[in-house]
Amino acid sequence: MRKSQVILKAYIMGYQDITVKTALHKVKSDYLPYGWDLNIYRGCEHGCRYCYALYSHKYLTSMICGNPDDYFREIYIKSNIVDILEERLRSRSWKKEIININSVTDCYQLLEEKEQIMPQILKLMIKYKNPITISTKSDLILRDYDLIDELGRLTYVNIACSLITADENMQKKLEPATPSPQRRLDMIKEMAKSNASTGLHVMPIILF
């Protein structure tokens, strides 16, 4: 069993399927290079202590006790997200705008290893030749290397690795269920061989 999976057991208290009416959410910003967000889960197993999305669960009925850590402890799986997304992508009104995946939660958190929703999402993007950006802390994305590479031959794809520190001890305190900094750097180095553009998101900056 991976060390991250052992840590995860201390965090997760429940998974729950939910259905959604909308897959994409409009981004109201003049400085971001994309106009739409896609999140296939609600909640995140990574346990990042600085996460700005901690309070997003207040919009749902809590499965547990209604405190900020519920965001790490109860994960909602958007079971119909693939079908709802395809409805949007095939719509005549859709202009193939850039979709940012992972604005609120990491689609490559540990649960994705079992659920395997992202390969379905990427196959849709290939089918409709839709540009995307993905930011992740996980090297699980390498599982989908071939799909990302194929999409990158058709349209714009950017893969970014989120990294706050190179100190593994600090990382485990602040991001207890994430891959090590070195694994993330190895991941982005490998993804750089694909047809996707790549980069690092160094945020937040931790002073110590």
C-alpha atoms as a PDB file:
ATOM      1  CA  MET A   1       0.000   0.000   0.000  1.00  0.00           C
ATOM      2  CA  ARG A   2       1.316   3.447  -0.912  1.00  0.00           C
ATOM      3  CA  LYS A   3       2.200   5.825   1.919  1.00  0.00           C
ATOM      4  CA  SER A   4      -0.212   8.375   0.445  1.00  0.00           C
ATOM      5  CA  GLN A   5      -3.021   5.786   0.581  1.00  0.00           C
ATOM      6  CA  VAL A   6      -2.312   5.137   4.273  1.00  0.00           C
ATOM      7  CA  ILE A   7      -2.503   8.867   4.979  1.00  0.00           C
ATOM      8  CA  LEU A   8      -5.655   9.070   2.907  1.00  0.00           C
ATOM      9  CA  LYS A   9      -7.490   6.581   5.121  1.00  0.00           C
ATOM     10  CA  ALA A  10      -7.161   9.027   8.002  1.00  0.00           C
ATOM     11  CA  TYR A  11      -8.898  11.709   5.952  1.00  0.00           C
ATOM     12  CA  ILE A  12     -11.660  10.090   3.943  1.00  0.00           C
ATOM     13  CA  MET A  13     -14.915   9.271   5.724  1.00  0.00           C
ATOM     14  CA  GLY A  14     -17.249   9.008   2.747  1.00  0.00           C
ATOM     15  CA  TYR A  15     -17.783   8.952  -1.004  1.00  0.00           C
ATOM     16  CA  GLN A  16     -21.101   9.842  -2.569  1.00  0.00           C
ATOM     17  CA  ASP A  17     -22.402   9.922  -6.140  1.00  0.00           C
ATOM     18  CA  ILE A  18     -24.213  13.059  -7.221  1.00  0.00           C
ATOM     19  CA  THR A  19     -25.740  14.106 -10.522  1.00  0.00           C
ATOM     20  CA  VAL A  20     -25.234  17.546 -12.018  1.00  0.00           C
ATOM     21  CA  LYS A  21     -27.197  19.664 -14.459  1.00  0.00           C
ATOM     22  CA  THR A  22     -24.184  21.603 -15.716  1.00  0.00           C
ATOM     23  CA  ALA A  23     -20.663  20.417 -16.487  1.00  0.00           C
ATOM     24  CA  LEU A  24     -19.001  23.735 -17.280  1.00  0.00           C
ATOM     25  CA  HIS A  25     -18.935  26.933 -15.271  1.00  0.00           C
ATOM     26  CA  LYS A  26     -18.215  30.337 -16.761  1.00  0.00           C
ATOM     27  CA  VAL A  27     -15.114  32.060 -15.430  1.00  0.00           C
ATOM     28  CA  LYS A  28     -15.601  35.758 -14.814  1.00  0.00           C
ATOM     29  CA  SER A  29     -12.059  37.033 -15.146  1.00  0.00           C
ATOM     30  CA  ASP A  30     -10.182  39.367 -17.447  1.00  0.00           C
ATOM     31  CA  TYR A  31      -6.725  37.928 -16.768  1.00  0.00           C
ATOM     32  CA  LEU A  32      -7.117  34.143 -16.959  1.00  0.00           C
ATOM     33  CA  PRO A  33      -6.352  32.510 -20.355  1.00  0.00           C
ATOM     34  CA  TYR A  34      -9.548  30.426 -20.344  1.00  0.00           C
ATOM     35  CA  GLY A  35     -13.252  31.067 -20.003  1.00  0.00           C
ATOM     36  CA  TRP A  36     -14.675  27.834 -18.587  1.00  0.00           C
ATOM     37  CA  ASP A  37     -14.019  25.501 -15.638  1.00  0.00           C
ATOM     38  CA  LEU A  38     -14.632  21.757 -15.371  1.00  0.00           C
ATOM     39  CA  ASN A  39     -14.442  19.774 -12.120  1.00  0.00           C
ATOM     40  CA  ILE A  40     -15.362  16.091 -12.169  1.00  0.00           C
ATOM     41  CA  TYR A  41     -15.362  15.766  -8.367  1.00  0.00           C
ATOM     42  CA  ARG A  42     -16.405  17.956  -5.479  1.00  0.00           C
ATOM     43  CA  GLY A  43     -13.992  17.745  -2.583  1.00  0.00           C
ATOM     44  CA  CYS A  44     -10.358  16.684  -2.734  1.00  0.00           C
ATOM     45  CA  GLU A  45      -8.375  13.990  -0.985  1.00  0.00           C
ATOM     46  CA  HIS A  46      -5.063  15.850  -1.161  1.00  0.00           C
ATOM     47  CA  GLY A  47      -5.680  17.617   2.158  1.00  0.00           C
ATOM     48  CA  CYS A  48      -3.869  20.856   1.275  1.00  0.00           C
ATOM     49  CA  ARG A  49      -4.115  23.031   4.370  1.00  0.00           C
ATOM     50  CA  TYR A  50      -4.125  26.271   2.358  1.00  0.00           C
ATOM     51  CA  CYS A  51      -6.874  25.232  -0.107  1.00  0.00           C
ATOM     52  CA  TYR A  52      -9.141  28.145  -1.043  1.00  0.00           C
ATOM     53  CA  ALA A  53     -12.014  25.740  -1.852  1.00  0.00           C
ATOM     54  CA  LEU A  54     -12.422  24.468   1.717  1.00  0.00           C
ATOM     55  CA  TYR A  55     -15.735  26.190   2.210  1.00  0.00           C
ATOM     56  CA  SER A  56     -17.332  25.142  -1.078  1.00  0.00           C
ATOM     57  CA  HIS A  57     -19.138  22.268   0.676  1.00  0.00           C
ATOM     58  CA  LYS A  58     -21.398  24.785   2.423  1.00  0.00           C
ATOM     59  CA  TYR A  59     -23.536  24.685  -0.728  1.00  0.00           C
ATOM     60  CA  LEU A  60     -24.293  20.990  -0.189  1.00  0.00           C
ATOM     61  CA  THR A  61     -25.844  19.045   2.658  1.00  0.00           C
ATOM     62  CA  SER A  62     -22.875  17.728   4.612  1.00  0.00           C
ATOM     63  CA  MET A  63     -22.488  13.983   4.991  1.00  0.00           C
ATOM     64  CA  ILE A  64     -20.581  14.476   8.233  1.00  0.00           C
ATOM     65  CA  CYS A  65     -20.425  17.466  10.540  1.00  0.00           C
ATOM     66  CA  GLY A  66     -20.185  20.620   8.458  1.00  0.00           C
ATOM     67  CA  ASN A  67     -16.636  21.841   9.162  1.00  0.00           C
ATOM     68  CA  PRO A  68     -14.009  22.964   6.590  1.00  0.00           C
ATOM     69  CA  ASP A  69     -12.128  19.658   6.745  1.00  0.00           C
ATOM     70  CA  ASP A  70     -15.203  17.983   5.261  1.00  0.00           C
ATOM     71  CA  TYR A  71     -13.778  19.099   1.922  1.00  0.00           C
ATOM     72  CA  PHE A  72     -11.030  16.506   2.425  1.00  0.00           C
ATOM     73  CA  ARG A  73     -13.194  13.929   4.200  1.00  0.00           C
ATOM     74  CA  GLU A  74     -16.250  13.630   1.974  1.00  0.00           C
ATOM     75  CA  ILE A  75     -15.847  13.381  -1.782  1.00  0.00           C
ATOM     76  CA  TYR A  76     -18.704  13.763  -4.244  1.00  0.00           C
ATOM     77  CA  ILE A  77     -18.411  11.930  -7.575  1.00  0.00           C
ATOM     78  CA  LYS A  78     -20.268  13.610 -10.440  1.00  0.00           C
ATOM     79  CA  SER A  79     -21.570  10.382 -11.896  1.00  0.00           C
ATOM     80  CA  ASN A  80     -23.198  11.893 -15.013  1.00  0.00           C
ATOM     81  CA  ILE A  81     -20.507  14.464 -15.787  1.00  0.00           C
ATOM     82  CA  VAL A  82     -19.369  12.809 -19.052  1.00  0.00           C
ATOM     83  CA  ASP A  83     -22.863  12.774 -20.566  1.00  0.00           C
ATOM     84  CA  ILE A  84     -23.636  16.335 -19.457  1.00  0.00           C
ATOM     85  CA  LEU A  85     -20.315  17.565 -20.840  1.00  0.00           C
ATOM     86  CA  GLU A  86     -20.923  15.940 -24.216  1.00  0.00           C
ATOM     87  CA  GLU A  87     -24.308  17.637 -24.463  1.00  0.00           C
ATOM     88  CA  ARG A  88     -22.499  20.952 -24.182  1.00  0.00           C
ATOM     89  CA  LEU A  89     -19.634  20.144 -26.521  1.00  0.00           C
ATOM     90  CA  ARG A  90     -21.896  18.992 -29.328  1.00  0.00           C
ATOM     91  CA  SER A  91     -24.193  22.004 -28.998  1.00  0.00           C
ATOM     92  CA  ARG A  92     -24.205  24.371 -31.984  1.00  0.00           C
ATOM     93  CA  SER A  93     -23.736  27.262 -29.578  1.00  0.00           C
ATOM     94  CA  TRP A  94     -20.434  25.886 -28.226  1.00  0.00           C
ATOM     95  CA  LYS A  95     -17.428  27.732 -29.726  1.00  0.00           C
ATOM     96  CA  LYS A  96     -14.640  25.328 -28.691  1.00  0.00           C
ATOM     97  CA  GLU A  97     -13.342  27.672 -26.028  1.00  0.00           C
ATOM     98  CA  ILE A  98     -10.512  26.610 -23.732  1.00  0.00           C
ATOM     99  CA  ILE A  99     -11.728  24.552 -20.766  1.00  0.00           C
ATOM    100  CA  ASN A 100      -9.697  24.583 -17.573  1.00  0.00           C
ATOM    101  CA  ILE A 101      -9.853  21.267 -15.727  1.00  0.00           C
ATOM    102  CA  ASN A 102      -9.183  21.385 -11.967  1.00  0.00           C
ATOM    103  CA  SER A 103     -10.077  24.902 -10.913  1.00  0.00           C
ATOM    104  CA  VAL A 104     -11.474  23.769  -7.548  1.00  0.00           C
ATOM    105  CA  THR A 105     -10.479  20.131  -7.088  1.00  0.00           C
ATOM    106  CA  ASP A 106      -7.811  17.842  -8.537  1.00  0.00           C
ATOM    107  CA  CYS A 107      -9.265  15.414 -11.079  1.00  0.00           C
ATOM    108  CA  TYR A 108      -6.204  13.199 -10.557  1.00  0.00           C
ATOM    109  CA  GLN A 109      -6.688  12.745  -6.817  1.00  0.00           C
ATOM    110  CA  LEU A 110      -6.393   9.148  -5.585  1.00  0.00           C
ATOM    111  CA  LEU A 111     -10.059   8.334  -6.186  1.00  0.00           C
ATOM    112  CA  GLU A 112      -9.546   8.830  -9.927  1.00  0.00           C
ATOM    113  CA  GLU A 113      -7.284   5.766 -10.015  1.00  0.00           C
ATOM    114  CA  LYS A 114     -10.429   3.707  -9.380  1.00  0.00           C
ATOM    115  CA  GLU A 115     -13.137   5.842 -11.032  1.00  0.00           C
ATOM    116  CA  GLN A 116     -11.245   6.526 -14.303  1.00  0.00           C
ATOM    117  CA  ILE A 117     -13.417   9.441 -15.356  1.00  0.00           C
ATOM    118  CA  MET A 118     -10.610  11.486 -16.891  1.00  0.00           C
ATOM    119  CA  PRO A 119      -9.917   9.083 -19.795  1.00  0.00           C
ATOM    120  CA  GLN A 120     -13.570   9.481 -20.759  1.00  0.00           C
ATOM    121  CA  ILE A 121     -13.284  13.264 -20.516  1.00  0.00           C
ATOM    122  CA  LEU A 122     -10.143  13.298 -22.645  1.00  0.00           C
ATOM    123  CA  LYS A 123     -11.745  11.067 -25.283  1.00  0.00           C
ATOM    124  CA  LEU A 124     -14.576  13.606 -25.505  1.00  0.00           C
ATOM    125  CA  MET A 125     -12.081  16.421 -25.951  1.00  0.00           C
ATOM    126  CA  ILE A 126     -10.415  14.448 -28.745  1.00  0.00           C
ATOM    127  CA  LYS A 127     -13.777  13.745 -30.383  1.00  0.00           C
ATOM    128  CA  TYR A 128     -14.693  17.449 -30.421  1.00  0.00           C
ATOM    129  CA  LYS A 129     -11.122  18.761 -30.780  1.00  0.00           C
ATOM    130  CA  ASN A 130     -11.587  21.039 -27.795  1.00  0.00           C
ATOM    131  CA  PRO A 131      -8.613  22.858 -26.210  1.00  0.00           C
ATOM    132  CA  ILE A 132      -7.935  22.333 -22.502  1.00  0.00           C
ATOM    133  CA  THR A 133      -5.636  23.192 -19.640  1.00  0.00           C
ATOM    134  CA  ILE A 134      -5.024  20.898 -16.669  1.00  0.00           C
ATOM    135  CA  SER A 135      -3.307  21.766 -13.398  1.00  0.00           C
ATOM    136  CA  THR A 136      -2.544  18.882 -11.056  1.00  0.00           C
ATOM    137  CA  LYS A 137      -0.431  17.827  -8.106  1.00  0.00           C
ATOM    138  CA  SER A 138      -0.588  14.171  -9.123  1.00  0.00           C
ATOM    139  CA  ASP A 139       1.572  11.989 -11.315  1.00  0.00           C
ATOM    140  CA  LEU A 140      -1.502   9.827 -11.964  1.00  0.00           C
ATOM    141  CA  ILE A 141      -1.935  12.013 -15.047  1.00  0.00           C
ATOM    142  CA  LEU A 142       0.811   9.937 -16.685  1.00  0.00           C
ATOM    143  CA  ARG A 143      -1.729   7.119 -16.974  1.00  0.00           C
ATOM    144  CA  ASP A 144      -3.460   9.278 -19.610  1.00  0.00           C
ATOM    145  CA  TYR A 145      -0.293  10.339 -21.433  1.00  0.00           C
ATOM    146  CA  ASP A 146      -1.342   8.837 -24.778  1.00  0.00           C
ATOM    147  CA  LEU A 147      -4.736  10.550 -24.743  1.00  0.00           C
ATOM    148  CA  ILE A 148      -3.212  13.905 -23.837  1.00  0.00           C
ATOM    149  CA  ASP A 149      -0.583  13.476 -26.537  1.00  0.00           C
ATOM    150  CA  GLU A 150      -3.285  12.678 -29.110  1.00  0.00           C
ATOM    151  CA  LEU A 151      -5.342  15.711 -28.127  1.00  0.00           C
ATOM    152  CA  GLY A 152      -2.227  17.857 -28.321  1.00  0.00           C
ATOM    153  CA  ARG A 153      -1.877  16.930 -31.995  1.00  0.00           C
ATOM    154  CA  LEU A 154      -5.376  18.290 -32.642  1.00  0.00           C
ATOM    155  CA  THR A 155      -5.617  21.423 -30.532  1.00  0.00           C
ATOM    156  CA  TYR A 156      -4.109  23.447 -27.701  1.00  0.00           C
ATOM    157  CA  VAL A 157      -3.320  21.508 -24.510  1.00  0.00           C
ATOM    158  CA  ASN A 158      -1.428  22.796 -21.496  1.00  0.00           C
ATOM    159  CA  ILE A 159      -0.434  20.632 -18.536  1.00  0.00           C
ATOM    160  CA  ALA A 160       0.788  22.388 -15.403  1.00  0.00           C
ATOM    161  CA  CYS A 161       2.247  20.904 -12.248  1.00  0.00           C
ATOM    162  CA  SER A 162       1.307  22.652  -9.010  1.00  0.00           C
ATOM    163  CA  LEU A 163       4.277  22.849  -6.644  1.00  0.00           C
ATOM    164  CA  ILE A 164       4.737  24.926  -3.489  1.00  0.00           C
ATOM    165  CA  THR A 165       8.028  23.564  -2.168  1.00  0.00           C
ATOM    166  CA  ALA A 166      10.862  21.163  -2.933  1.00  0.00           C
ATOM    167  CA  ASP A 167      11.075  20.209   0.769  1.00  0.00           C
ATOM    168  CA  GLU A 168       9.282  16.881   1.213  1.00  0.00           C
ATOM    169  CA  ASN A 169       8.850  17.339   4.971  1.00  0.00           C
ATOM    170  CA  MET A 170       7.139  20.688   4.427  1.00  0.00           C
ATOM    171  CA  GLN A 171       5.053  19.217   1.627  1.00  0.00           C
ATOM    172  CA  LYS A 172       3.771  16.385   3.841  1.00  0.00           C
ATOM    173  CA  LYS A 173       2.724  18.871   6.511  1.00  0.00           C
ATOM    174  CA  LEU A 174       0.839  21.102   4.111  1.00  0.00           C
ATOM    175  CA  GLU A 175      -0.283  18.596   1.434  1.00  0.00           C
ATOM    176  CA  PRO A 176      -0.404  15.275   3.336  1.00  0.00           C
ATOM    177  CA  ALA A 177      -1.930  13.040   0.639  1.00  0.00           C
ATOM    178  CA  THR A 178      -0.081  14.315  -2.429  1.00  0.00           C
ATOM    179  CA  PRO A 179       2.843  12.832  -4.380  1.00  0.00           C
ATOM    180  CA  SER A 180       6.294  14.075  -3.419  1.00  0.00           C
ATOM    181  CA  PRO A 181       7.779  17.162  -5.110  1.00  0.00           C
ATOM    182  CA  GLN A 182      10.240  14.945  -6.963  1.00  0.00           C
ATOM    183  CA  ARG A 183       7.481  12.729  -8.359  1.00  0.00           C
ATOM    184  CA  ARG A 184       5.692  15.834  -9.599  1.00  0.00           C
ATOM    185  CA  LEU A 185       8.806  17.200 -11.253  1.00  0.00           C
ATOM    186  CA  ASP A 186       9.430  13.819 -12.882  1.00  0.00           C
ATOM    187  CA  MET A 187       5.825  13.872 -14.110  1.00  0.00           C
ATOM    188  CA  ILE A 188       6.059  17.271 -15.774  1.00  0.00           C
ATOM    189  CA  LYS A 189       9.405  16.311 -17.301  1.00  0.00           C
ATOM    190  CA  GLU A 190       7.709  13.292 -18.887  1.00  0.00           C
ATOM    191  CA  MET A 191       4.675  15.276 -20.014  1.00  0.00           C
ATOM    192  CA  ALA A 192       7.014  17.739 -21.731  1.00  0.00           C
ATOM    193  CA  LYS A 193       7.770  14.958 -24.234  1.00  0.00           C
ATOM    194  CA  SER A 194       4.148  14.989 -25.384  1.00  0.00           C
ATOM    195  CA  ASN A 195       2.396  17.351 -27.785  1.00  0.00           C
ATOM    196  CA  ALA A 196       1.078  19.379 -24.846  1.00  0.00           C
ATOM    197  CA  SER A 197       2.773  22.524 -23.598  1.00  0.00           C
ATOM    198  CA  THR A 198       3.836  22.287 -19.954  1.00  0.00           C
ATOM    199  CA  GLY A 199       4.614  24.490 -16.998  1.00  0.00           C
ATOM    200  CA  LEU A 200       4.793  24.915 -13.215  1.00  0.00           C
ATOM    201  CA  HIS A 201       2.314  26.655 -10.953  1.00  0.00           C
ATOM    202  CA  VAL A 202       4.392  27.786  -7.972  1.00  0.00           C
ATOM    203  CA  MET A 203       1.600  28.792  -5.659  1.00  0.00           C
ATOM    204  CA  PRO A 204       0.982  29.610  -2.955  1.00  0.00           C
ATOM    205  CA  ILE A 205       4.466  30.801  -2.011  1.00  0.00           C
ATOM    206  CA  ILE A 206       5.238  29.410   1.452  1.00  0.00           C
ATOM    207  CA  LEU A 207       7.614  31.440   3.616  1.00  0.00           C
ATOM    208  CA  PHE A 208       9.493  29.549   6.314  1.00  0.00           C
END
